[in-house]
Amino acid sequence: MAYNKPKPDDRSDNVEKLQEMVHNTIENMEEAEATMEFASEDERANIAAKNDRRRESIEGMRAEIKDEYRAQQNGFKTE
């Protein structure tokens, strides 16, 4: 029986990917804010709640960017 060998973990571009995700999330927030002007009260509440969740996600992504950057600087060596 043949076993699938997992691909090696390539973290070399994680910082760039995470930065792009942050940028896209911010753009989505801005677009959502722009639509609030034409939204009903319920829709505005939903948009505001979703943007709050997006802000939390951005905080997590920024923390992960810092971790990944440090890992890059250390040559991805684990301590």
C-alpha atoms as a PDB file:
ATOM      1  CA  MET A   1       0.000   0.000   0.000  1.00  0.00           C
ATOM      2  CA  ALA A   2       1.336   3.424  -0.970  1.00  0.00           C
ATOM      3  CA  TYR A   3       1.223   6.218   1.541  1.00  0.00           C
ATOM      4  CA  ASN A   4       0.905   9.857   0.600  1.00  0.00           C
ATOM      5  CA  LYS A   5       3.879  11.764   1.871  1.00  0.00           C
ATOM      6  CA  PRO A   6       2.913  15.184   3.214  1.00  0.00           C
ATOM      7  CA  LYS A   7       4.397  18.175   1.485  1.00  0.00           C
ATOM      8  CA  PRO A   8       7.061  20.016   3.466  1.00  0.00           C
ATOM      9  CA  ASP A   9       5.805  23.040   5.367  1.00  0.00           C
ATOM     10  CA  ASP A  10       6.676  26.110   3.288  1.00  0.00           C
ATOM     11  CA  ARG A  11       6.268  29.157   5.486  1.00  0.00           C
ATOM     12  CA  SER A  12       8.499  31.417   3.411  1.00  0.00           C
ATOM     13  CA  ASP A  13       5.661  33.611   2.160  1.00  0.00           C
ATOM     14  CA  ASN A  14       3.293  33.489   5.153  1.00  0.00           C
ATOM     15  CA  VAL A  15       4.012  37.095   6.159  1.00  0.00           C
ATOM     16  CA  GLU A  16       3.093  38.348   2.694  1.00  0.00           C
ATOM     17  CA  LYS A  17      -0.040  36.198   2.562  1.00  0.00           C
ATOM     18  CA  LEU A  18      -1.169  37.410   5.982  1.00  0.00           C
ATOM     19  CA  GLN A  19      -0.517  41.036   5.056  1.00  0.00           C
ATOM     20  CA  GLU A  20      -2.634  40.579   1.937  1.00  0.00           C
ATOM     21  CA  MET A  21      -5.409  39.044   4.048  1.00  0.00           C
ATOM     22  CA  VAL A  22      -5.317  42.048   6.407  1.00  0.00           C
ATOM     23  CA  HIS A  23      -5.461  44.426   3.443  1.00  0.00           C
ATOM     24  CA  ASN A  24      -8.422  42.560   1.902  1.00  0.00           C
ATOM     25  CA  THR A  25     -10.269  42.481   5.220  1.00  0.00           C
ATOM     26  CA  ILE A  26      -9.819  46.226   5.668  1.00  0.00           C
ATOM     27  CA  GLU A  27     -11.120  46.803   2.139  1.00  0.00           C
ATOM     28  CA  ASN A  28     -14.165  44.634   2.921  1.00  0.00           C
ATOM     29  CA  MET A  29     -14.796  46.641   6.073  1.00  0.00           C
ATOM     30  CA  GLU A  30     -14.630  49.911   4.154  1.00  0.00           C
ATOM     31  CA  GLU A  31     -17.009  48.615   1.487  1.00  0.00           C
ATOM     32  CA  ALA A  32     -19.422  47.413   4.171  1.00  0.00           C
ATOM     33  CA  GLU A  33     -19.284  50.808   5.895  1.00  0.00           C
ATOM     34  CA  ALA A  34     -20.126  52.490   2.583  1.00  0.00           C
ATOM     35  CA  THR A  35     -23.205  50.291   2.132  1.00  0.00           C
ATOM     36  CA  MET A  36     -24.499  51.158   5.604  1.00  0.00           C
ATOM     37  CA  GLU A  37     -25.769  54.492   4.287  1.00  0.00           C
ATOM     38  CA  PHE A  38     -28.390  52.672   2.195  1.00  0.00           C
ATOM     39  CA  ALA A  39     -29.103  49.788   4.584  1.00  0.00           C
ATOM     40  CA  SER A  40     -32.002  49.206   6.921  1.00  0.00           C
ATOM     41  CA  GLU A  41     -31.483  49.395  10.669  1.00  0.00           C
ATOM     42  CA  ASP A  42     -31.221  45.590  10.929  1.00  0.00           C
ATOM     43  CA  GLU A  43     -28.735  45.452   8.066  1.00  0.00           C
ATOM     44  CA  ARG A  44     -26.649  48.213   9.672  1.00  0.00           C
ATOM     45  CA  ALA A  45     -26.546  46.240  12.918  1.00  0.00           C
ATOM     46  CA  ASN A  46     -25.450  43.116  11.034  1.00  0.00           C
ATOM     47  CA  ILE A  47     -22.762  45.054   9.152  1.00  0.00           C
ATOM     48  CA  ALA A  48     -21.491  46.623  12.377  1.00  0.00           C
ATOM     49  CA  ALA A  49     -21.334  43.205  14.068  1.00  0.00           C
ATOM     50  CA  LYS A  50     -19.507  41.687  11.115  1.00  0.00           C
ATOM     51  CA  ASN A  51     -17.006  44.547  11.063  1.00  0.00           C
ATOM     52  CA  ASP A  52     -16.392  44.030  14.781  1.00  0.00           C
ATOM     53  CA  ARG A  53     -15.554  40.393  14.038  1.00  0.00           C
ATOM     54  CA  ARG A  54     -13.320  41.543  11.189  1.00  0.00           C
ATOM     55  CA  ARG A  55     -11.431  43.866  13.570  1.00  0.00           C
ATOM     56  CA  GLU A  56     -10.830  40.930  15.921  1.00  0.00           C
ATOM     57  CA  SER A  57      -9.599  38.839  13.000  1.00  0.00           C
ATOM     58  CA  ILE A  58      -7.227  41.609  11.936  1.00  0.00           C
ATOM     59  CA  GLU A  59      -5.760  41.737  15.441  1.00  0.00           C
ATOM     60  CA  GLY A  60      -5.142  37.987  15.298  1.00  0.00           C
ATOM     61  CA  MET A  61      -3.627  38.173  11.823  1.00  0.00           C
ATOM     62  CA  ARG A  62      -1.303  41.000  12.884  1.00  0.00           C
ATOM     63  CA  ALA A  63      -0.130  38.944  15.867  1.00  0.00           C
ATOM     64  CA  GLU A  64       0.469  36.018  13.532  1.00  0.00           C
ATOM     65  CA  ILE A  65       2.405  38.289  11.144  1.00  0.00           C
ATOM     66  CA  LYS A  66       4.724  39.236  14.008  1.00  0.00           C
ATOM     67  CA  ASP A  67       5.211  35.568  14.931  1.00  0.00           C
ATOM     68  CA  GLU A  68       5.889  34.566  11.342  1.00  0.00           C
ATOM     69  CA  TYR A  69       8.296  37.468  10.849  1.00  0.00           C
ATOM     70  CA  ARG A  70      10.240  36.419  13.953  1.00  0.00           C
ATOM     71  CA  ALA A  71      10.285  32.838  12.686  1.00  0.00           C
ATOM     72  CA  GLN A  72      11.665  34.022   9.323  1.00  0.00           C
ATOM     73  CA  GLN A  73      14.385  35.987  11.084  1.00  0.00           C
ATOM     74  CA  ASN A  74      15.330  32.878  13.081  1.00  0.00           C
ATOM     75  CA  GLY A  75      15.424  30.715   9.978  1.00  0.00           C
ATOM     76  CA  PHE A  76      12.213  28.933  11.081  1.00  0.00           C
ATOM     77  CA  LYS A  77      14.103  27.155  13.834  1.00  0.00           C
ATOM     78  CA  THR A  78      12.060  25.985  16.781  1.00  0.00           C
ATOM     79  CA  GLU A  79      13.403  26.576  20.228  1.00  0.00           C
END
